[in-house]
């Protein structure tokens, strides 16, 4: 499974760093280091919807406040 988080300026302002840090923590805490690849990219072209995140090319809009729920539903249940 590959998770990509936009780290462009618009998403950065909306909290992409916090999203990345929380995803790193959740991946590690759930023992998914071997199953989940976490990466960053610049603009995904959907700046109004940021923080932009893809999971295996499926798009999501995630905020620092919603990252735990996003992880549980879209990563943990499918890993």
PDB file of N, CA and C in Angstrom:
ATOM      1  N   UNK A   1       0.849  -1.174   0.000  1.00  0.00           N
ATOM      2  CA  UNK A   1       0.000   0.000   0.000  1.00  0.00           C
ATOM      3  C   UNK A   1       0.893   1.234   0.000  1.00  0.00           C
ATOM      4  N   UNK A   2       0.568   2.194  -0.843  1.00  0.00           N
ATOM      5  CA  UNK A   2       1.358   3.417  -0.922  1.00  0.00           C
ATOM      6  C   UNK A   2       0.489   4.618  -0.572  1.00  0.00           C
ATOM      7  N   UNK A   3       0.925   5.388   0.427  1.00  0.00           N
ATOM      8  CA  UNK A   3       0.245   6.614   0.832  1.00  0.00           C
ATOM      9  C   UNK A   3       1.141   7.780   0.440  1.00  0.00           C
ATOM     10  N   UNK A   4       0.559   8.738  -0.275  1.00  0.00           N
ATOM     11  CA  UNK A   4       1.296   9.924  -0.677  1.00  0.00           C
ATOM     12  C   UNK A   4       0.579  11.155  -0.139  1.00  0.00           C
ATOM     13  N   UNK A   5       1.345  12.024   0.514  1.00  0.00           N
ATOM     14  CA  UNK A   5       0.795  13.246   1.104  1.00  0.00           C
ATOM     15  C   UNK A   5       1.388  14.443   0.379  1.00  0.00           C
ATOM     16  N   UNK A   6       0.528  15.383  -0.016  1.00  0.00           N
ATOM     17  CA  UNK A   6       1.003  16.611  -0.642  1.00  0.00           C
ATOM     18  C   UNK A   6       1.707  17.461   0.413  1.00  0.00           C
ATOM     19  N   UNK A   7       2.892  17.941   0.064  1.00  0.00           N
ATOM     20  CA  UNK A   7       3.628  18.825   0.967  1.00  0.00           C
ATOM     21  C   UNK A   7       3.863  20.185   0.296  1.00  0.00           C
ATOM     22  N   UNK A   8       3.049  20.475  -0.723  1.00  0.00           N
ATOM     23  CA  UNK A   8       3.116  21.782  -1.378  1.00  0.00           C
ATOM     24  C   UNK A   8       2.668  22.879  -0.430  1.00  0.00           C
ATOM     25  N   UNK A   9       2.851  24.124  -0.848  1.00  0.00           N
ATOM     26  CA  UNK A   9       2.621  25.247   0.069  1.00  0.00           C
ATOM     27  C   UNK A   9       1.186  25.332   0.580  1.00  0.00           C
ATOM     28  N   UNK A  10       0.189  25.123  -0.267  1.00  0.00           N
ATOM     29  CA  UNK A  10      -1.211  25.225   0.179  1.00  0.00           C
ATOM     30  C   UNK A  10      -1.524  24.146   1.215  1.00  0.00           C
ATOM     31  N   UNK A  11      -1.117  22.913   0.935  1.00  0.00           N
ATOM     32  CA  UNK A  11      -1.371  21.821   1.889  1.00  0.00           C
ATOM     33  C   UNK A  11      -0.521  21.981   3.148  1.00  0.00           C
ATOM     34  N   UNK A  12       0.680  22.518   2.987  1.00  0.00           N
ATOM     35  CA  UNK A  12       1.533  22.752   4.159  1.00  0.00           C
ATOM     36  C   UNK A  12       0.842  23.699   5.135  1.00  0.00           C
ATOM     37  N   UNK A  13       0.244  24.759   4.597  1.00  0.00           N
ATOM     38  CA  UNK A  13      -0.462  25.729   5.435  1.00  0.00           C
ATOM     39  C   UNK A  13      -1.650  25.070   6.141  1.00  0.00           C
ATOM     40  N   UNK A  14      -2.265  24.078   5.492  1.00  0.00           N
ATOM     41  CA  UNK A  14      -3.435  23.405   6.059  1.00  0.00           C
ATOM     42  C   UNK A  14      -3.064  22.252   6.992  1.00  0.00           C
ATOM     43  N   UNK A  15      -1.762  21.996   7.177  1.00  0.00           N
ATOM     44  CA  UNK A  15      -1.356  21.009   8.182  1.00  0.00           C
ATOM     45  C   UNK A  15      -0.747  19.731   7.656  1.00  0.00           C
ATOM     46  N   UNK A  16      -0.176  19.747   6.452  1.00  0.00           N
ATOM     47  CA  UNK A  16       0.369  18.492   5.911  1.00  0.00           C
ATOM     48  C   UNK A  16       1.492  17.919   6.776  1.00  0.00           C
ATOM     49  N   UNK A  17       2.273  18.770   7.412  1.00  0.00           N
ATOM     50  CA  UNK A  17       3.352  18.250   8.260  1.00  0.00           C
ATOM     51  C   UNK A  17       2.785  17.435   9.421  1.00  0.00           C
ATOM     52  N   UNK A  18       1.731  17.947  10.048  1.00  0.00           N
ATOM     53  CA  UNK A  18       1.104  17.219  11.148  1.00  0.00           C
ATOM     54  C   UNK A  18       0.489  15.913  10.648  1.00  0.00           C
ATOM     55  N   UNK A  19      -0.106  15.946   9.449  1.00  0.00           N
ATOM     56  CA  UNK A  19      -0.682  14.730   8.873  1.00  0.00           C
ATOM     57  C   UNK A  19       0.406  13.690   8.652  1.00  0.00           C
ATOM     58  N   UNK A  20       1.536  14.094   8.074  1.00  0.00           N
ATOM     59  CA  UNK A  20       2.643  13.163   7.833  1.00  0.00           C
ATOM     60  C   UNK A  20       3.160  12.592   9.143  1.00  0.00           C
ATOM     61  N   UNK A  21       3.371  13.444  10.131  1.00  0.00           N
ATOM     62  CA  UNK A  21       3.901  12.977  11.415  1.00  0.00           C
ATOM     63  C   UNK A  21       2.950  11.993  12.087  1.00  0.00           C
ATOM     64  N   UNK A  22       1.661  12.265  12.037  1.00  0.00           N
ATOM     65  CA  UNK A  22       0.686  11.357  12.649  1.00  0.00           C
ATOM     66  C   UNK A  22       0.610  10.041  11.884  1.00  0.00           C
ATOM     67  N   UNK A  23       0.670  10.096  10.550  1.00  0.00           N
ATOM     68  CA  UNK A  23       0.668   8.854   9.763  1.00  0.00           C
ATOM     69  C   UNK A  23       1.915   8.026  10.063  1.00  0.00           C
ATOM     70  N   UNK A  24       3.068   8.664  10.188  1.00  0.00           N
ATOM     71  CA  UNK A  24       4.294   7.934  10.541  1.00  0.00           C
ATOM     72  C   UNK A  24       4.110   7.221  11.872  1.00  0.00           C
ATOM     73  N   UNK A  25       3.555   7.920  12.841  1.00  0.00           N
ATOM     74  CA  UNK A  25       3.314   7.345  14.156  1.00  0.00           C
ATOM     75  C   UNK A  25       2.353   6.158  14.076  1.00  0.00           C
ATOM     76  N   UNK A  26       1.224   6.339  13.382  1.00  0.00           N
ATOM     77  CA  UNK A  26       0.208   5.288  13.297  1.00  0.00           C
ATOM     78  C   UNK A  26       0.726   4.056  12.553  1.00  0.00           C
ATOM     79  N   UNK A  27       1.488   4.260  11.507  1.00  0.00           N
ATOM     80  CA  UNK A  27       2.073   3.134  10.764  1.00  0.00           C
ATOM     81  C   UNK A  27       3.000   2.345  11.679  1.00  0.00           C
ATOM     82  N   UNK A  28       3.854   3.055  12.403  1.00  0.00           N
ATOM     83  CA  UNK A  28       4.801   2.406  13.318  1.00  0.00           C
ATOM     84  C   UNK A  28       4.075   1.692  14.454  1.00  0.00           C
ATOM     85  N   UNK A  29       3.109   2.367  15.079  1.00  0.00           N
ATOM     86  CA  UNK A  29       2.398   1.799  16.223  1.00  0.00           C
ATOM     87  C   UNK A  29       1.576   0.561  15.865  1.00  0.00           C
ATOM     88  N   UNK A  30       1.125   0.484  14.628  1.00  0.00           N
ATOM     89  CA  UNK A  30       0.320  -0.655  14.186  1.00  0.00           C
ATOM     90  C   UNK A  30       1.145  -1.714  13.468  1.00  0.00           C
ATOM     91  N   UNK A  31       2.469  -1.567  13.499  1.00  0.00           N
ATOM     92  CA  UNK A  31       3.365  -2.567  12.913  1.00  0.00           C
ATOM     93  C   UNK A  31       3.203  -2.730  11.408  1.00  0.00           C
ATOM     94  N   UNK A  32       2.938  -1.633  10.712  1.00  0.00           N
ATOM     95  CA  UNK A  32       2.692  -1.707   9.270  1.00  0.00           C
ATOM     96  C   UNK A  32       3.863  -1.208   8.426  1.00  0.00           C
ATOM     97  N   UNK A  33       5.035  -1.077   9.023  1.00  0.00           N
ATOM     98  CA  UNK A  33       6.190  -0.575   8.271  1.00  0.00           C
ATOM     99  C   UNK A  33       6.487  -1.404   7.032  1.00  0.00           C
ATOM    100  N   UNK A  34       6.235  -2.711   7.087  1.00  0.00           N
ATOM    101  CA  UNK A  34       6.506  -3.583   5.946  1.00  0.00           C
ATOM    102  C   UNK A  34       5.397  -3.543   4.897  1.00  0.00           C
ATOM    103  N   UNK A  35       4.225  -3.043   5.263  1.00  0.00           N
ATOM    104  CA  UNK A  35       3.074  -3.077   4.353  1.00  0.00           C
ATOM    105  C   UNK A  35       2.708  -1.723   3.768  1.00  0.00           C
ATOM    106  N   UNK A  36       3.144  -0.636   4.412  1.00  0.00           N
ATOM    107  CA  UNK A  36       2.739   0.703   3.986  1.00  0.00           C
ATOM    108  C   UNK A  36       3.969   1.536   3.650  1.00  0.00           C
ATOM    109  N   UNK A  37       3.962   2.121   2.459  1.00  0.00           N
ATOM    110  CA  UNK A  37       5.010   3.046   2.044  1.00  0.00           C
ATOM    111  C   UNK A  37       4.427   4.451   2.104  1.00  0.00           C
ATOM    112  N   UNK A  38       5.070   5.328   2.867  1.00  0.00           N
ATOM    113  CA  UNK A  38       4.595   6.700   3.031  1.00  0.00           C
ATOM    114  C   UNK A  38       5.542   7.631   2.302  1.00  0.00           C
ATOM    115  N   UNK A  39       4.996   8.468   1.424  1.00  0.00           N
ATOM    116  CA  UNK A  39       5.828   9.388   0.666  1.00  0.00           C
ATOM    117  C   UNK A  39       5.186  10.757   0.575  1.00  0.00           C
ATOM    118  N   UNK A  40       5.954  11.700   0.079  1.00  0.00           N
ATOM    119  CA  UNK A  40       5.454  13.054  -0.117  1.00  0.00           C
ATOM    120  C   UNK A  40       5.554  13.437  -1.573  1.00  0.00           C
ATOM    121  N   UNK A  41       4.754  14.398  -1.958  1.00  0.00           N
ATOM    122  CA  UNK A  41       4.789  14.922  -3.321  1.00  0.00           C
ATOM    123  C   UNK A  41       4.399  16.391  -3.268  1.00  0.00           C
ATOM    124  N   UNK A  42       4.698  17.101  -4.340  1.00  0.00           N
ATOM    125  CA  UNK A  42       4.240  18.475  -4.428  1.00  0.00           C
ATOM    126  C   UNK A  42       2.904  18.497  -5.137  1.00  0.00           C
ATOM    127  N   UNK A  43       2.360  19.622  -5.384  1.00  0.00           N
ATOM    128  CA  UNK A  43       0.973  19.865  -5.764  1.00  0.00           C
ATOM    129  C   UNK A  43       0.294  18.749  -6.555  1.00  0.00           C
ATOM    130  N   UNK A  44      -0.873  18.338  -6.046  1.00  0.00           N
ATOM    131  CA  UNK A  44      -1.714  17.346  -6.713  1.00  0.00           C
ATOM    132  C   UNK A  44      -2.813  18.015  -7.529  1.00  0.00           C
ATOM    133  N   UNK A  45      -2.837  19.357  -7.515  1.00  0.00           N
ATOM    134  CA  UNK A  45      -3.793  20.089  -8.322  1.00  0.00           C
ATOM    135  C   UNK A  45      -5.179  20.251  -7.716  1.00  0.00           C
ATOM    136  N   UNK A  46      -5.321  19.901  -6.450  1.00  0.00           N
ATOM    137  CA  UNK A  46      -6.624  20.032  -5.786  1.00  0.00           C
ATOM    138  C   UNK A  46      -6.445  20.858  -4.514  1.00  0.00           C
ATOM    139  N   UNK A  47      -5.799  22.003  -4.663  1.00  0.00           N
ATOM    140  CA  UNK A  47      -5.394  22.817  -3.513  1.00  0.00           C
ATOM    141  C   UNK A  47      -6.564  23.220  -2.616  1.00  0.00           C
ATOM    142  N   UNK A  48      -7.738  23.439  -3.185  1.00  0.00           N
ATOM    143  CA  UNK A  48      -8.889  23.844  -2.387  1.00  0.00           C
ATOM    144  C   UNK A  48      -9.336  22.744  -1.433  1.00  0.00           C
ATOM    145  N   UNK A  49      -8.973  21.488  -1.738  1.00  0.00           N
ATOM    146  CA  UNK A  49      -9.434  20.349  -0.946  1.00  0.00           C
ATOM    147  C   UNK A  49      -8.395  19.853   0.052  1.00  0.00           C
ATOM    148  N   UNK A  50      -7.192  20.435   0.070  1.00  0.00           N
ATOM    149  CA  UNK A  50      -6.089  19.947   0.879  1.00  0.00           C
ATOM    150  C   UNK A  50      -6.420  19.793   2.352  1.00  0.00           C
ATOM    151  N   UNK A  51      -5.656  19.045   3.062  1.00  0.00           N
ATOM    152  CA  UNK A  51      -4.417  18.356   2.734  1.00  0.00           C
ATOM    153  C   UNK A  51      -4.740  17.163   1.820  1.00  0.00           C
ATOM    154  N   UNK A  52      -4.098  17.140   0.655  1.00  0.00           N
ATOM    155  CA  UNK A  52      -4.363  16.105  -0.334  1.00  0.00           C
ATOM    156  C   UNK A  52      -3.543  14.858  -0.025  1.00  0.00           C
ATOM    157  N   UNK A  53      -4.224  13.719   0.004  1.00  0.00           N
ATOM    158  CA  UNK A  53      -3.587  12.440   0.297  1.00  0.00           C
ATOM    159  C   UNK A  53      -4.120  11.405  -0.687  1.00  0.00           C
ATOM    160  N   UNK A  54      -3.239  10.547  -1.201  1.00  0.00           N
ATOM    161  CA  UNK A  54      -3.702   9.421  -2.001  1.00  0.00           C
ATOM    162  C   UNK A  54      -3.282   8.125  -1.320  1.00  0.00           C
ATOM    163  N   UNK A  55      -4.148   7.130  -1.452  1.00  0.00           N
ATOM    164  CA  UNK A  55      -3.844   5.764  -1.018  1.00  0.00           C
ATOM    165  C   UNK A  55      -4.002   4.905  -2.254  1.00  0.00           C
ATOM    166  N   UNK A  56      -2.878   4.369  -2.743  1.00  0.00           N
ATOM    167  CA  UNK A  56      -2.895   3.600  -3.992  1.00  0.00           C
ATOM    168  C   UNK A  56      -3.685   4.342  -5.077  1.00  0.00           C
ATOM    169  N   UNK A  57      -3.390   5.618  -5.261  1.00  0.00           N
ATOM    170  CA  UNK A  57      -3.960   6.484  -6.301  1.00  0.00           C
ATOM    171  C   UNK A  57      -5.419   6.884  -6.079  1.00  0.00           C
ATOM    172  N   UNK A  58      -6.010   6.555  -4.946  1.00  0.00           N
ATOM    173  CA  UNK A  58      -7.357   7.028  -4.619  1.00  0.00           C
ATOM    174  C   UNK A  58      -7.218   8.288  -3.773  1.00  0.00           C
ATOM    175  N   UNK A  59      -7.921   9.366  -4.154  1.00  0.00           N
ATOM    176  CA  UNK A  59      -7.753  10.672  -3.524  1.00  0.00           C
ATOM    177  C   UNK A  59      -8.600  10.837  -2.261  1.00  0.00           C
ATOM    178  N   UNK A  60      -7.997  11.499  -1.264  1.00  0.00           N
ATOM    179  CA  UNK A  60      -8.686  11.846  -0.025  1.00  0.00           C
ATOM    180  C   UNK A  60      -8.280  13.252   0.394  1.00  0.00           C
ATOM    181  N   UNK A  61      -9.164  13.928   1.087  1.00  0.00           N
ATOM    182  CA  UNK A  61      -8.856  15.201   1.721  1.00  0.00           C
ATOM    183  C   UNK A  61      -8.788  14.941   3.220  1.00  0.00           C
ATOM    184  N   UNK A  62      -7.631  15.199   3.810  1.00  0.00           N
ATOM    185  CA  UNK A  62      -7.395  14.863   5.217  1.00  0.00           C
ATOM    186  C   UNK A  62      -6.951  16.124   5.954  1.00  0.00           C
ATOM    187  N   UNK A  63      -7.351  16.249   7.184  1.00  0.00           N
ATOM    188  CA  UNK A  63      -6.882  17.350   8.029  1.00  0.00           C
ATOM    189  C   UNK A  63      -6.163  16.741   9.232  1.00  0.00           C
ATOM    190  N   UNK A  64      -5.376  17.550   9.934  1.00  0.00           N
ATOM    191  CA  UNK A  64      -4.742  17.021  11.150  1.00  0.00           C
ATOM    192  C   UNK A  64      -5.765  16.439  12.127  1.00  0.00           C
ATOM    193  N   UNK A  65      -6.982  16.992  12.144  1.00  0.00           N
ATOM    194  CA  UNK A  65      -8.018  16.514  13.055  1.00  0.00           C
ATOM    195  C   UNK A  65      -8.655  15.203  12.598  1.00  0.00           C
ATOM    196  N   UNK A  66      -8.611  14.914  11.299  1.00  0.00           N
ATOM    197  CA  UNK A  66      -9.287  13.718  10.787  1.00  0.00           C
ATOM    198  C   UNK A  66      -8.329  12.582  10.422  1.00  0.00           C
ATOM    199  N   UNK A  67      -7.041  12.762  10.663  1.00  0.00           N
ATOM    200  CA  UNK A  67      -6.066  11.772  10.201  1.00  0.00           C
ATOM    201  C   UNK A  67      -6.243  10.415  10.890  1.00  0.00           C
ATOM    202  N   UNK A  68      -6.606  10.393  12.167  1.00  0.00           N
ATOM    203  CA  UNK A  68      -6.789   9.114  12.865  1.00  0.00           C
ATOM    204  C   UNK A  68      -7.935   8.313  12.248  1.00  0.00           C
ATOM    205  N   UNK A  69      -9.059   8.969  12.015  1.00  0.00           N
ATOM    206  CA  UNK A  69     -10.213   8.296  11.403  1.00  0.00           C
ATOM    207  C   UNK A  69      -9.867   7.848   9.975  1.00  0.00           C
ATOM    208  N   UNK A  70      -9.206   8.720   9.216  1.00  0.00           N
ATOM    209  CA  UNK A  70      -8.772   8.374   7.863  1.00  0.00           C
ATOM    210  C   UNK A  70      -7.910   7.119   7.881  1.00  0.00           C
ATOM    211  N   UNK A  71      -6.952   7.063   8.800  1.00  0.00           N
ATOM    212  CA  UNK A  71      -6.044   5.915   8.894  1.00  0.00           C
ATOM    213  C   UNK A  71      -6.803   4.640   9.229  1.00  0.00           C
ATOM    214  N   UNK A  72      -7.697   4.717  10.210  1.00  0.00           N
ATOM    215  CA  UNK A  72      -8.436   3.528  10.637  1.00  0.00           C
ATOM    216  C   UNK A  72      -9.282   2.950   9.509  1.00  0.00           C
ATOM    217  N   UNK A  73      -9.953   3.814   8.746  1.00  0.00           N
ATOM    218  CA  UNK A  73     -10.879   3.367   7.709  1.00  0.00           C
ATOM    219  C   UNK A  73     -10.156   2.989   6.420  1.00  0.00           C
ATOM    220  N   UNK A  74      -9.181   3.787   5.998  1.00  0.00           N
ATOM    221  CA  UNK A  74      -8.602   3.622   4.672  1.00  0.00           C
ATOM    222  C   UNK A  74      -7.259   2.898   4.649  1.00  0.00           C
ATOM    223  N   UNK A  75      -6.644   2.730   5.794  1.00  0.00           N
ATOM    224  CA  UNK A  75      -5.348   2.046   5.837  1.00  0.00           C
ATOM    225  C   UNK A  75      -5.426   0.786   6.685  1.00  0.00           C
ATOM    226  N   UNK A  76      -5.763   0.962   7.952  1.00  0.00           N
ATOM    227  CA  UNK A  76      -5.740  -0.163   8.904  1.00  0.00           C
ATOM    228  C   UNK A  76      -6.665  -1.294   8.483  1.00  0.00           C
ATOM    229  N   UNK A  77      -7.883  -0.963   8.048  1.00  0.00           N
ATOM    230  CA  UNK A  77      -8.840  -1.996   7.669  1.00  0.00           C
ATOM    231  C   UNK A  77      -8.453  -2.705   6.376  1.00  0.00           C
ATOM    232  N   UNK A  78      -7.578  -2.092   5.557  1.00  0.00           N
ATOM    233  CA  UNK A  78      -7.244  -2.669   4.253  1.00  0.00           C
ATOM    234  C   UNK A  78      -5.827  -3.229   4.185  1.00  0.00           C
ATOM    235  N   UNK A  79      -5.050  -3.015   5.261  1.00  0.00           N
ATOM    236  CA  UNK A  79      -3.656  -3.471   5.250  1.00  0.00           C
ATOM    237  C   UNK A  79      -3.533  -4.961   5.501  1.00  0.00           C
TER     238      UNK A  79
END
